PDB file of N, CA and C in Angstrom:
ATOM      1  N   ASP A   1       0.802  -1.269  -0.087  1.00  0.00           N
ATOM      2  CA  ASP A   1      -0.175   0.078   0.054  1.00  0.00           C
ATOM      3  C   ASP A   1       0.865   1.320  -0.033  1.00  0.00           C
ATOM      4  N   THR A   2       2.044   1.036   0.503  1.00  0.00           N
ATOM      5  CA  THR A   2       2.841   2.280   0.458  1.00  0.00           C
ATOM      6  C   THR A   2       3.859   2.515  -0.594  1.00  0.00           C
ATOM      7  N   TYR A   3       3.835   1.573  -1.639  1.00  0.00           N
ATOM      8  CA  TYR A   3       4.691   1.713  -2.681  1.00  0.00           C
ATOM      9  C   TYR A   3       4.478   2.699  -3.408  1.00  0.00           C
ATOM     10  N   GLY A   4       5.356   3.745  -3.895  1.00  0.00           N
ATOM     11  CA  GLY A   4       5.235   4.811  -4.841  1.00  0.00           C
ATOM     12  C   GLY A   4       5.141   6.239  -3.980  1.00  0.00           C
ATOM     13  N   GLU A   5       5.321   6.116  -2.632  1.00  0.00           N
ATOM     14  CA  GLU A   5       5.240   7.202  -1.933  1.00  0.00           C
ATOM     15  C   GLU A   5       6.634   7.903  -2.009  1.00  0.00           C
ATOM     16  N   ARG A   6       7.741   7.032  -2.094  1.00  0.00           N
ATOM     17  CA  ARG A   6       8.950   7.947  -2.135  1.00  0.00           C
ATOM     18  C   ARG A   6       9.516   7.428  -3.432  1.00  0.00           C
ATOM     19  N   GLU A   7       9.270   6.285  -4.130  1.00  0.00           N
ATOM     20  CA  GLU A   7       9.748   5.846  -5.497  1.00  0.00           C
ATOM     21  C   GLU A   7       8.974   6.592  -6.672  1.00  0.00           C
ATOM     22  N   ASP A   8       9.304   6.356  -7.744  1.00  0.00           N
ATOM     23  CA  ASP A   8       8.710   6.667  -9.112  1.00  0.00           C
ATOM     24  C   ASP A   8       7.385   5.543  -9.075  1.00  0.00           C
ATOM     25  N   ALA A   9       6.322   6.129  -9.235  1.00  0.00           N
ATOM     26  CA  ALA A   9       5.336   5.139  -9.140  1.00  0.00           C
ATOM     27  C   ALA A   9       5.341   4.337 -10.242  1.00  0.00           C
ATOM     28  N   GLU A  10       6.007   4.539 -11.588  1.00  0.00           N
ATOM     29  CA  GLU A  10       5.968   3.766 -12.649  1.00  0.00           C
ATOM     30  C   GLU A  10       7.104   2.683 -12.790  1.00  0.00           C
ATOM     31  N   SER A  11       7.793   2.765 -11.747  1.00  0.00           N
ATOM     32  CA  SER A  11       9.066   1.695 -11.642  1.00  0.00           C
ATOM     33  C   SER A  11       9.204   1.089 -10.452  1.00  0.00           C
ATOM     34  N   LEU A  12       9.971  -0.013 -10.659  1.00  0.00           N
ATOM     35  CA  LEU A  12      10.117  -1.001  -9.490  1.00  0.00           C
ATOM     36  C   LEU A  12      11.303  -0.592  -8.735  1.00  0.00           C
ATOM     37  N   GLN A  13      11.385  -0.875  -7.437  1.00  0.00           N
ATOM     38  CA  GLN A  13      12.819  -0.442  -6.666  1.00  0.00           C
ATOM     39  C   GLN A  13      13.900  -1.452  -7.136  1.00  0.00           C
ATOM     40  N   ASP A  14      14.952  -1.292  -6.749  1.00  0.00           N
ATOM     41  CA  ASP A  14      16.182  -2.271  -7.103  1.00  0.00           C
ATOM     42  C   ASP A  14      15.773  -3.279  -6.094  1.00  0.00           C
ATOM     43  N   LEU A  15      15.501  -4.419  -6.599  1.00  0.00           N
ATOM     44  CA  LEU A  15      15.105  -5.555  -5.827  1.00  0.00           C
ATOM     45  C   LEU A  15      16.528  -6.470  -5.668  1.00  0.00           C
ATOM     46  N   LYS A  16      16.784  -7.194  -4.829  1.00  0.00           N
ATOM     47  CA  LYS A  16      18.108  -7.944  -4.718  1.00  0.00           C
ATOM     48  C   LYS A  16      17.278  -9.419  -4.295  1.00  0.00           C
ATOM     49  N   THR A  17      16.960 -10.010  -5.435  1.00  0.00           N
ATOM     50  CA  THR A  17      16.312 -11.377  -5.208  1.00  0.00           C
ATOM     51  C   THR A  17      16.892 -12.360  -6.288  1.00  0.00           C
ATOM     52  N   GLN A  18      16.826 -13.687  -6.198  1.00  0.00           N
ATOM     53  CA  GLN A  18      17.192 -14.425  -7.129  1.00  0.00           C
ATOM     54  C   GLN A  18      15.996 -14.927  -8.084  1.00  0.00           C
ATOM     55  N   SER A  19      14.775 -14.810  -7.664  1.00  0.00           N
ATOM     56  CA  SER A  19      13.902 -15.104  -8.363  1.00  0.00           C
ATOM     57  C   SER A  19      12.748 -14.142  -8.330  1.00  0.00           C
ATOM     58  N   LEU A  20      12.129 -13.641  -9.435  1.00  0.00           N
ATOM     59  CA  LEU A  20      11.310 -12.532  -9.490  1.00  0.00           C
ATOM     60  C   LEU A  20      10.273 -12.886 -10.469  1.00  0.00           C
ATOM     61  N   HIS A  21       8.730 -12.838 -10.075  1.00  0.00           N
ATOM     62  CA  HIS A  21       7.731 -13.119 -10.766  1.00  0.00           C
ATOM     63  C   HIS A  21       6.815 -11.914 -10.976  1.00  0.00           C
ATOM     64  N   ILE A  22       6.678 -11.146 -11.862  1.00  0.00           N
ATOM     65  CA  ILE A  22       5.885  -9.993 -11.987  1.00  0.00           C
ATOM     66  C   ILE A  22       4.666 -10.207 -13.025  1.00  0.00           C
ATOM     67  N   VAL A  23       3.458  -9.987 -12.294  1.00  0.00           N
ATOM     68  CA  VAL A  23       2.130 -10.066 -13.015  1.00  0.00           C
ATOM     69  C   VAL A  23       1.665  -8.729 -13.065  1.00  0.00           C
ATOM     70  N   PHE A  24       1.452  -8.408 -14.392  1.00  0.00           N
ATOM     71  CA  PHE A  24       1.026  -7.212 -14.976  1.00  0.00           C
ATOM     72  C   PHE A  24      -0.605  -7.426 -14.857  1.00  0.00           C
ATOM     73  N   PRO A  25      -1.272  -6.299 -14.836  1.00  0.00           N
ATOM     74  CA  PRO A  25      -2.712  -6.145 -14.806  1.00  0.00           C
ATOM     75  C   PRO A  25      -3.306  -6.936 -16.197  1.00  0.00           C
ATOM     76  N   THR A  26      -4.415  -7.617 -16.052  1.00  0.00           N
ATOM     77  CA  THR A  26      -4.864  -8.209 -17.230  1.00  0.00           C
ATOM     78  C   THR A  26      -5.847  -7.354 -18.014  1.00  0.00           C
ATOM     79  N   GLY A  27      -6.207  -7.646 -19.238  1.00  0.00           N
ATOM     80  CA  GLY A  27      -7.208  -6.894 -20.034  1.00  0.00           C
ATOM     81  C   GLY A  27      -6.813  -5.643 -20.569  1.00  0.00           C
ATOM     82  N   LYS A  28      -5.657  -5.127 -20.304  1.00  0.00           N
ATOM     83  CA  LYS A  28      -5.387  -3.905 -20.975  1.00  0.00           C
ATOM     84  C   LYS A  28      -3.889  -3.522 -21.315  1.00  0.00           C
ATOM     85  N   GLU A  29      -3.360  -2.901 -22.266  1.00  0.00           N
ATOM     86  CA  GLU A  29      -2.244  -2.485 -22.410  1.00  0.00           C
ATOM     87  C   GLU A  29      -1.770  -1.328 -21.525  1.00  0.00           C
ATOM     88  N   PHE A  30      -0.590  -1.466 -21.036  1.00  0.00           N
ATOM     89  CA  PHE A  30       0.099  -0.613 -20.356  1.00  0.00           C
ATOM     90  C   PHE A  30       1.529  -0.324 -20.629  1.00  0.00           C
ATOM     91  N   HIS A  31       2.010   0.860 -19.811  1.00  0.00           N
ATOM     92  CA  HIS A  31       3.701   0.960 -19.987  1.00  0.00           C
ATOM     93  C   HIS A  31       4.217   0.659 -18.716  1.00  0.00           C
ATOM     94  N   PHE A  32       5.280   0.356 -18.725  1.00  0.00           N
ATOM     95  CA  PHE A  32       5.989   0.096 -17.437  1.00  0.00           C
ATOM     96  C   PHE A  32       7.449   0.255 -17.507  1.00  0.00           C
ATOM     97  N   ILE A  33       8.071   0.525 -16.439  1.00  0.00           N
ATOM     98  CA  ILE A  33       9.591   0.663 -16.315  1.00  0.00           C
ATOM     99  C   ILE A  33      10.221  -0.356 -15.395  1.00  0.00           C
ATOM    100  N   LEU A  34      11.083  -1.404 -15.985  1.00  0.00           N
ATOM    101  CA  LEU A  34      11.592  -2.395 -15.475  1.00  0.00           C
ATOM    102  C   LEU A  34      12.935  -2.620 -15.642  1.00  0.00           C
ATOM    103  N   ASP A  35      13.908  -2.453 -14.765  1.00  0.00           N
ATOM    104  CA  ASP A  35      15.415  -2.683 -15.091  1.00  0.00           C
ATOM    105  C   ASP A  35      15.735  -4.066 -14.509  1.00  0.00           C
ATOM    106  N   VAL A  36      15.842  -4.905 -15.692  1.00  0.00           N
ATOM    107  CA  VAL A  36      16.244  -6.371 -15.290  1.00  0.00           C
ATOM    108  C   VAL A  36      17.790  -6.403 -15.432  1.00  0.00           C
ATOM    109  N   SER A  37      18.617  -5.402 -15.499  1.00  0.00           N
ATOM    110  CA  SER A  37      19.901  -5.477 -15.639  1.00  0.00           C
ATOM    111  C   SER A  37      20.519  -5.962 -14.493  1.00  0.00           C
ATOM    112  N   VAL A  38      19.786  -5.759 -13.321  1.00  0.00           N
ATOM    113  CA  VAL A  38      20.290  -5.971 -11.765  1.00  0.00           C
ATOM    114  C   VAL A  38      20.840  -7.425 -11.703  1.00  0.00           C
ATOM    115  N   GLY A  39      22.004  -7.356 -11.378  1.00  0.00           N
ATOM    116  CA  GLY A  39      22.884  -8.723 -11.513  1.00  0.00           C
ATOM    117  C   GLY A  39      22.497  -9.765 -10.372  1.00  0.00           C
ATOM    118  N   THR A  40      21.431  -9.549  -9.665  1.00  0.00           N
ATOM    119  CA  THR A  40      21.352 -10.628  -8.487  1.00  0.00           C
ATOM    120  C   THR A  40      20.203 -11.488  -9.044  1.00  0.00           C
ATOM    121  N   THR A  41      19.201 -11.242  -9.981  1.00  0.00           N
ATOM    122  CA  THR A  41      18.021 -12.024 -10.439  1.00  0.00           C
ATOM    123  C   THR A  41      18.442 -13.210 -11.335  1.00  0.00           C
ATOM    124  N   VAL A  42      18.233 -14.598 -10.865  1.00  0.00           N
ATOM    125  CA  VAL A  42      18.523 -15.710 -11.758  1.00  0.00           C
ATOM    126  C   VAL A  42      17.539 -16.030 -12.383  1.00  0.00           C
ATOM    127  N   SER A  43      16.318 -16.215 -11.922  1.00  0.00           N
ATOM    128  CA  SER A  43      15.090 -16.407 -12.897  1.00  0.00           C
ATOM    129  C   SER A  43      14.063 -15.232 -12.572  1.00  0.00           C
ATOM    130  N   LEU A  44      13.438 -15.015 -13.953  1.00  0.00           N
ATOM    131  CA  LEU A  44      12.638 -13.811 -14.066  1.00  0.00           C
ATOM    132  C   LEU A  44      11.362 -14.559 -14.687  1.00  0.00           C
ATOM    133  N   GLU A  45      10.235 -14.151 -14.192  1.00  0.00           N
ATOM    134  CA  GLU A  45       8.943 -14.630 -14.947  1.00  0.00           C
ATOM    135  C   GLU A  45       8.085 -13.262 -15.168  1.00  0.00           C
ATOM    136  N   LEU A  46       7.517 -13.275 -16.238  1.00  0.00           N
ATOM    137  CA  LEU A  46       6.723 -11.947 -16.639  1.00  0.00           C
ATOM    138  C   LEU A  46       5.207 -12.459 -17.159  1.00  0.00           C
ATOM    139  N   SER A  47       4.184 -12.097 -16.502  1.00  0.00           N
ATOM    140  CA  SER A  47       3.001 -12.769 -16.877  1.00  0.00           C
ATOM    141  C   SER A  47       1.888 -11.601 -17.418  1.00  0.00           C
ATOM    142  N   ASN A  48       1.017 -11.679 -18.107  1.00  0.00           N
ATOM    143  CA  ASN A  48       0.123 -10.843 -18.631  1.00  0.00           C
ATOM    144  C   ASN A  48       0.718  -9.811 -19.441  1.00  0.00           C
ATOM    145  N   ILE A  49       1.226  -9.840 -20.548  1.00  0.00           N
ATOM    146  CA  ILE A  49       1.775  -8.904 -21.623  1.00  0.00           C
ATOM    147  C   ILE A  49       1.182  -8.671 -22.715  1.00  0.00           C
ATOM    148  N   LYS A  50       0.653  -7.466 -22.871  1.00  0.00           N
ATOM    149  CA  LYS A  50      -0.387  -7.028 -23.890  1.00  0.00           C
ATOM    150  C   LYS A  50       0.293  -6.015 -24.885  1.00  0.00           C
ATOM    151  N   CYS A  51       0.751  -6.391 -26.310  1.00  0.00           N
ATOM    152  CA  CYS A  51       1.106  -5.448 -26.854  1.00  0.00           C
ATOM    153  C   CYS A  51       0.664  -5.523 -28.391  1.00  0.00           C
ATOM    154  N   VAL A  52      -0.485  -5.040 -28.543  1.00  0.00           N
ATOM    155  CA  VAL A  52      -1.143  -5.312 -29.859  1.00  0.00           C
ATOM    156  C   VAL A  52      -1.709  -3.946 -30.569  1.00  0.00           C
ATOM    157  N   LEU A  53      -1.610  -2.968 -29.930  1.00  0.00           N
ATOM    158  CA  LEU A  53      -2.119  -1.821 -30.444  1.00  0.00           C
ATOM    159  C   LEU A  53      -1.898  -1.378 -32.017  1.00  0.00           C
ATOM    160  N   ASP A  54      -0.755  -1.795 -32.597  1.00  0.00           N
ATOM    161  CA  ASP A  54      -0.189  -1.445 -33.923  1.00  0.00           C
ATOM    162  C   ASP A  54       0.857  -2.571 -34.008  1.00  0.00           C
ATOM    163  N   ASP A  55       1.169  -2.649 -35.149  1.00  0.00           N
ATOM    164  CA  ASP A  55       2.519  -3.479 -35.647  1.00  0.00           C
ATOM    165  C   ASP A  55       3.776  -2.882 -35.514  1.00  0.00           C
ATOM    166  N   ASN A  56       3.831  -1.654 -34.677  1.00  0.00           N
ATOM    167  CA  ASN A  56       5.104  -0.962 -34.584  1.00  0.00           C
ATOM    168  C   ASN A  56       5.925  -1.526 -33.315  1.00  0.00           C
ATOM    169  N   GLY A  57       5.475  -2.727 -32.822  1.00  0.00           N
ATOM    170  CA  GLY A  57       6.229  -3.367 -31.694  1.00  0.00           C
ATOM    171  C   GLY A  57       5.723  -2.586 -30.440  1.00  0.00           C
ATOM    172  N   CYS A  58       6.518  -3.318 -29.442  1.00  0.00           N
ATOM    173  CA  CYS A  58       6.163  -2.683 -28.023  1.00  0.00           C
ATOM    174  C   CYS A  58       7.707  -2.229 -27.534  1.00  0.00           C
ATOM    175  N   PRO A  59       7.945  -0.856 -27.802  1.00  0.00           N
ATOM    176  CA  PRO A  59       9.208  -0.379 -27.539  1.00  0.00           C
ATOM    177  C   PRO A  59       9.487  -0.541 -26.058  1.00  0.00           C
ATOM    178  N   TYR A  60       8.427  -0.393 -25.133  1.00  0.00           N
ATOM    179  CA  TYR A  60       8.737  -0.361 -23.689  1.00  0.00           C
ATOM    180  C   TYR A  60       9.184  -1.816 -23.212  1.00  0.00           C
ATOM    181  N   PHE A  61       8.441  -2.919 -23.828  1.00  0.00           N
ATOM    182  CA  PHE A  61       8.737  -4.262 -23.318  1.00  0.00           C
ATOM    183  C   PHE A  61       9.965  -4.644 -24.020  1.00  0.00           C
ATOM    184  N   GLU A  62      10.198  -4.380 -25.327  1.00  0.00           N
ATOM    185  CA  GLU A  62      11.494  -4.432 -26.000  1.00  0.00           C
ATOM    186  C   GLU A  62      12.662  -4.074 -25.336  1.00  0.00           C
ATOM    187  N   ASN A  63      12.544  -2.919 -24.803  1.00  0.00           N
ATOM    188  CA  ASN A  63      13.478  -2.279 -23.842  1.00  0.00           C
ATOM    189  C   ASN A  63      13.997  -2.880 -22.677  1.00  0.00           C
ATOM    190  N   VAL A  64      12.921  -3.411 -21.816  1.00  0.00           N
ATOM    191  CA  VAL A  64      13.093  -4.401 -20.922  1.00  0.00           C
ATOM    192  C   VAL A  64      14.193  -5.529 -21.247  1.00  0.00           C
ATOM    193  N   LEU A  65      13.576  -5.942 -22.407  1.00  0.00           N
ATOM    194  CA  LEU A  65      14.295  -7.275 -22.726  1.00  0.00           C
ATOM    195  C   LEU A  65      15.778  -7.133 -23.290  1.00  0.00           C
ATOM    196  N   SER A  66      15.809  -6.011 -23.993  1.00  0.00           N
ATOM    197  CA  SER A  66      17.059  -5.387 -24.216  1.00  0.00           C
ATOM    198  C   SER A  66      18.063  -5.449 -23.284  1.00  0.00           C
ATOM    199  N   LYS A  67      17.657  -5.252 -22.005  1.00  0.00           N
ATOM    200  CA  LYS A  67      18.598  -4.994 -20.701  1.00  0.00           C
ATOM    201  C   LYS A  67      18.895  -6.300 -20.143  1.00  0.00           C
ATOM    202  N   LEU A  68      18.305  -7.448 -20.689  1.00  0.00           N
ATOM    203  CA  LEU A  68      18.712  -8.769 -20.159  1.00  0.00           C
ATOM    204  C   LEU A  68      20.099  -8.959 -20.535  1.00  0.00           C
ATOM    205  N   GLN A  69      20.557  -8.381 -21.572  1.00  0.00           N
ATOM    206  CA  GLN A  69      22.017  -8.676 -21.897  1.00  0.00           C
ATOM    207  C   GLN A  69      23.044  -8.299 -20.790  1.00  0.00           C
ATOM    208  N   LYS A  70      22.729  -7.343 -20.142  1.00  0.00           N
ATOM    209  CA  LYS A  70      23.486  -6.675 -18.983  1.00  0.00           C
ATOM    210  C   LYS A  70      23.447  -7.423 -17.810  1.00  0.00           C
ATOM    211  N   ASN A  71      22.495  -8.423 -17.597  1.00  0.00           N
ATOM    212  CA  ASN A  71      22.389  -9.365 -16.445  1.00  0.00           C
ATOM    213  C   ASN A  71      22.921 -10.503 -16.676  1.00  0.00           C
ATOM    214  N   SER A  72      24.289 -10.941 -16.397  1.00  0.00           N
ATOM    215  CA  SER A  72      25.005 -12.146 -16.769  1.00  0.00           C
ATOM    216  C   SER A  72      24.720 -13.221 -15.929  1.00  0.00           C
ATOM    217  N   ARG A  73      23.945 -13.049 -14.634  1.00  0.00           N
ATOM    218  CA  ARG A  73      23.344 -14.107 -13.793  1.00  0.00           C
ATOM    219  C   ARG A  73      22.140 -14.568 -14.302  1.00  0.00           C
ATOM    220  N   LEU A  74      21.298 -13.896 -14.908  1.00  0.00           N
ATOM    221  CA  LEU A  74      20.092 -14.495 -15.286  1.00  0.00           C
ATOM    222  C   LEU A  74      19.926 -15.590 -16.329  1.00  0.00           C
ATOM    223  N   SER A  75      19.431 -16.662 -16.035  1.00  0.00           N
ATOM    224  CA  SER A  75      19.618 -17.862 -16.747  1.00  0.00           C
ATOM    225  C   SER A  75      18.199 -18.548 -17.166  1.00  0.00           C
ATOM    226  N   ASN A  76      17.386 -17.944 -16.246  1.00  0.00           N
ATOM    227  CA  ASN A  76      15.947 -18.589 -16.652  1.00  0.00           C
ATOM    228  C   ASN A  76      14.873 -17.255 -16.971  1.00  0.00           C
ATOM    229  N   LEU A  77      14.163 -17.436 -18.136  1.00  0.00           N
ATOM    230  CA  LEU A  77      13.380 -16.333 -18.512  1.00  0.00           C
ATOM    231  C   LEU A  77      11.794 -17.198 -18.865  1.00  0.00           C
ATOM    232  N   THR A  78      10.784 -16.779 -18.132  1.00  0.00           N
ATOM    233  CA  THR A  78       9.485 -17.426 -18.573  1.00  0.00           C
ATOM    234  C   THR A  78       8.565 -16.168 -19.004  1.00  0.00           C
ATOM    235  N   LEU A  79       7.911 -16.176 -19.919  1.00  0.00           N
ATOM    236  CA  LEU A  79       6.919 -15.162 -20.206  1.00  0.00           C
ATOM    237  C   LEU A  79       5.514 -16.097 -20.448  1.00  0.00           C
ATOM    238  N   ASN A  80       4.560 -15.609 -19.715  1.00  0.00           N
ATOM    239  CA  ASN A  80       3.135 -16.127 -19.520  1.00  0.00           C
ATOM    240  C   ASN A  80       2.152 -15.258 -20.163  1.00  0.00           C
ATOM    241  N   ASN A  81       1.120 -15.705 -20.764  1.00  0.00           N
ATOM    242  CA  ASN A  81      -0.081 -15.059 -21.167  1.00  0.00           C
ATOM    243  C   ASN A  81       0.259 -13.846 -21.726  1.00  0.00           C
ATOM    244  N   ILE A  82       0.649 -13.720 -23.136  1.00  0.00           N
ATOM    245  CA  ILE A  82       1.176 -13.063 -23.961  1.00  0.00           C
ATOM    246  C   ILE A  82       0.210 -12.671 -25.062  1.00  0.00           C
ATOM    247  N   GLU A  83      -0.113 -11.504 -25.344  1.00  0.00           N
ATOM    248  CA  GLU A  83      -0.726 -10.920 -26.567  1.00  0.00           C
ATOM    249  C   GLU A  83       0.037 -10.093 -27.299  1.00  0.00           C
ATOM    250  N   ILE A  84       0.445 -10.513 -28.500  1.00  0.00           N
ATOM    251  CA  ILE A  84       1.486  -9.750 -29.135  1.00  0.00           C
ATOM    252  C   ILE A  84       1.315  -9.938 -30.688  1.00  0.00           C
ATOM    253  N   THR A  85       2.087  -8.904 -31.488  1.00  0.00           N
ATOM    254  CA  THR A  85       1.902  -9.179 -32.885  1.00  0.00           C
ATOM    255  C   THR A  85       3.171 -10.065 -33.515  1.00  0.00           C
ATOM    256  N   TRP A  86       3.073 -10.667 -34.558  1.00  0.00           N
ATOM    257  CA  TRP A  86       4.013 -11.547 -35.090  1.00  0.00           C
ATOM    258  C   TRP A  86       5.372 -10.755 -34.981  1.00  0.00           C
ATOM    259  N   ASN A  87       5.423  -9.478 -35.656  1.00  0.00           N
ATOM    260  CA  ASN A  87       6.698  -8.867 -35.670  1.00  0.00           C
ATOM    261  C   ASN A  87       7.402  -8.681 -34.226  1.00  0.00           C
ATOM    262  N   SER A  88       6.703  -8.514 -33.298  1.00  0.00           N
ATOM    263  CA  SER A  88       7.193  -8.100 -32.046  1.00  0.00           C
ATOM    264  C   SER A  88       7.628  -9.280 -31.323  1.00  0.00           C
ATOM    265  N   PHE A  89       6.916 -10.574 -31.645  1.00  0.00           N
ATOM    266  CA  PHE A  89       7.119 -12.106 -31.212  1.00  0.00           C
ATOM    267  C   PHE A  89       8.615 -12.378 -31.679  1.00  0.00           C
ATOM    268  N   PHE A  90       8.893 -12.136 -33.028  1.00  0.00           N
ATOM    269  CA  PHE A  90      10.246 -12.336 -33.677  1.00  0.00           C
ATOM    270  C   PHE A  90      11.138 -11.430 -32.917  1.00  0.00           C
ATOM    271  N   THR A  91      10.946 -10.192 -32.610  1.00  0.00           N
ATOM    272  CA  THR A  91      11.884  -9.236 -31.961  1.00  0.00           C
ATOM    273  C   THR A  91      12.377  -9.689 -30.601  1.00  0.00           C
ATOM    274  N   ILE A  92      11.262 -10.443 -29.780  1.00  0.00           N
ATOM    275  CA  ILE A  92      11.510 -11.007 -28.591  1.00  0.00           C
ATOM    276  C   ILE A  92      12.469 -12.074 -28.721  1.00  0.00           C
ATOM    277  N   LEU A  93      12.179 -12.885 -29.561  1.00  0.00           N
ATOM    278  CA  LEU A  93      13.099 -14.087 -29.850  1.00  0.00           C
ATOM    279  C   LEU A  93      14.609 -13.665 -30.139  1.00  0.00           C
ATOM    280  N   GLN A  94      14.625 -12.638 -30.913  1.00  0.00           N
ATOM    281  CA  GLN A  94      16.070 -12.185 -31.165  1.00  0.00           C
ATOM    282  C   GLN A  94      16.705 -11.558 -30.111  1.00  0.00           C
ATOM    283  N   LEU A  95      16.058 -10.733 -29.424  1.00  0.00           N
ATOM    284  CA  LEU A  95      16.393 -10.089 -28.234  1.00  0.00           C
ATOM    285  C   LEU A  95      17.102 -11.160 -27.067  1.00  0.00           C
ATOM    286  N   VAL A  96      16.316 -12.267 -26.773  1.00  0.00           N
ATOM    287  CA  VAL A  96      16.575 -13.133 -25.931  1.00  0.00           C
ATOM    288  C   VAL A  96      17.586 -14.073 -26.401  1.00  0.00           C
ATOM    289  N   TRP A  97      17.920 -14.201 -27.574  1.00  0.00           N
ATOM    290  CA  TRP A  97      18.875 -14.965 -28.344  1.00  0.00           C
ATOM    291  C   TRP A  97      20.101 -14.513 -28.000  1.00  0.00           C
ATOM    292  N   ARG A  98      20.390 -13.193 -27.858  1.00  0.00           N
ATOM    293  CA  ARG A  98      21.758 -12.456 -27.628  1.00  0.00           C
ATOM    294  C   ARG A  98      22.113 -12.262 -26.227  1.00  0.00           C
ATOM    295  N   THR A  99      21.337 -13.223 -25.268  1.00  0.00           N
ATOM    296  CA  THR A  99      21.458 -13.028 -23.760  1.00  0.00           C
ATOM    297  C   THR A  99      22.280 -14.454 -23.499  1.00  0.00           C
ATOM    298  N   ASN A 100      22.690 -14.371 -21.970  1.00  0.00           N
ATOM    299  CA  ASN A 100      23.093 -15.647 -21.437  1.00  0.00           C
ATOM    300  C   ASN A 100      21.999 -16.643 -21.034  1.00  0.00           C
ATOM    301  N   ILE A 101      20.769 -16.453 -21.205  1.00  0.00           N
ATOM    302  CA  ILE A 101      19.740 -17.189 -20.900  1.00  0.00           C
ATOM    303  C   ILE A 101      19.942 -18.581 -21.385  1.00  0.00           C
ATOM    304  N   GLU A 102      19.807 -19.590 -20.509  1.00  0.00           N
ATOM    305  CA  GLU A 102      19.830 -21.016 -20.768  1.00  0.00           C
ATOM    306  C   GLU A 102      18.237 -21.741 -20.823  1.00  0.00           C
ATOM    307  N   TYR A 103      17.417 -21.194 -20.304  1.00  0.00           N
ATOM    308  CA  TYR A 103      16.118 -21.747 -20.076  1.00  0.00           C
ATOM    309  C   TYR A 103      15.026 -20.655 -20.557  1.00  0.00           C
ATOM    310  N   PHE A 104      14.374 -20.718 -21.613  1.00  0.00           N
ATOM    311  CA  PHE A 104      13.400 -19.805 -21.954  1.00  0.00           C
ATOM    312  C   PHE A 104      12.040 -20.349 -22.453  1.00  0.00           C
ATOM    313  N   SER A 105      10.992 -19.977 -21.775  1.00  0.00           N
ATOM    314  CA  SER A 105       9.774 -20.647 -22.272  1.00  0.00           C
ATOM    315  C   SER A 105       8.753 -19.602 -22.197  1.00  0.00           C
ATOM    316  N   ILE A 106       7.930 -19.887 -23.294  1.00  0.00           N
ATOM    317  CA  ILE A 106       6.741 -19.018 -23.476  1.00  0.00           C
ATOM    318  C   ILE A 106       5.468 -19.794 -23.464  1.00  0.00           C
ATOM    319  N   SER A 107       4.457 -19.276 -22.451  1.00  0.00           N
ATOM    320  CA  SER A 107       3.298 -20.172 -22.668  1.00  0.00           C
ATOM    321  C   SER A 107       2.138 -19.097 -22.890  1.00  0.00           C
ATOM    322  N   ASN A 108       1.012 -19.729 -23.293  1.00  0.00           N
ATOM    323  CA  ASN A 108      -0.292 -19.018 -23.737  1.00  0.00           C
ATOM    324  C   ASN A 108       0.065 -17.684 -24.351  1.00  0.00           C
ATOM    325  N   VAL A 109       0.155 -17.853 -25.620  1.00  0.00           N
ATOM    326  CA  VAL A 109       0.642 -16.763 -26.683  1.00  0.00           C
ATOM    327  C   VAL A 109      -0.715 -16.613 -27.693  1.00  0.00           C
ATOM    328  N   LYS A 110      -0.841 -15.330 -27.925  1.00  0.00           N
ATOM    329  CA  LYS A 110      -2.036 -15.120 -28.680  1.00  0.00           C
ATOM    330  C   LYS A 110      -1.277 -13.942 -29.761  1.00  0.00           C
ATOM    331  N   LEU A 111      -0.949 -14.534 -31.000  1.00  0.00           N
ATOM    332  CA  LEU A 111      -0.095 -13.937 -32.014  1.00  0.00           C
ATOM    333  C   LEU A 111      -1.274 -13.116 -32.824  1.00  0.00           C
ATOM    334  N   GLN A 112      -1.162 -11.848 -33.226  1.00  0.00           N
ATOM    335  CA  GLN A 112      -2.218 -10.998 -34.039  1.00  0.00           C
ATOM    336  C   GLN A 112      -1.346 -10.329 -35.096  1.00  0.00           C
ATOM    337  N   GLY A 113      -2.058 -10.049 -36.067  1.00  0.00           N
ATOM    338  CA  GLY A 113      -1.570  -9.394 -37.396  1.00  0.00           C
ATOM    339  C   GLY A 113      -1.033 -10.310 -38.196  1.00  0.00           C
ATOM    340  N   TYR A 114      -0.230  -9.616 -39.165  1.00  0.00           N
ATOM    341  CA  TYR A 114       0.695 -10.252 -40.224  1.00  0.00           C
ATOM    342  C   TYR A 114       1.976 -10.357 -40.113  1.00  0.00           C
ATOM    343  N   LEU A 115       2.691 -11.441 -40.594  1.00  0.00           N
ATOM    344  CA  LEU A 115       3.970 -11.525 -40.522  1.00  0.00           C
ATOM    345  C   LEU A 115       4.534 -10.875 -41.708  1.00  0.00           C
ATOM    346  N   ASP A 116       5.534  -9.904 -41.487  1.00  0.00           N
ATOM    347  CA  ASP A 116       6.354  -9.194 -42.611  1.00  0.00           C
ATOM    348  C   ASP A 116       7.424 -10.323 -43.049  1.00  0.00           C
TER     349      ASP A 116
END
């Protein structure tokens, strides 16, 4: 209940945890700031990701994933309940491919739009 009083309401604090599961609100598209370059997280799970307004991608979500390259300890990434365009889906795969992640899983994916 007190989160956001001293911190930026759109960002998470510097968490020192090995396993982190973030569940975003369902049923709507939203923007968030999450710095996953913190070197203590080994396992990250993100749930309820919706990026389908247009086929220009999800720059804020892709920015989060691009920071995964800076976290050399992160070895497990799980994405659950994703509603995304085909182009954004392939961008996500390319971003994760360039990381040290050993175990990557995606479940309950709804792909929309057309593949370029």
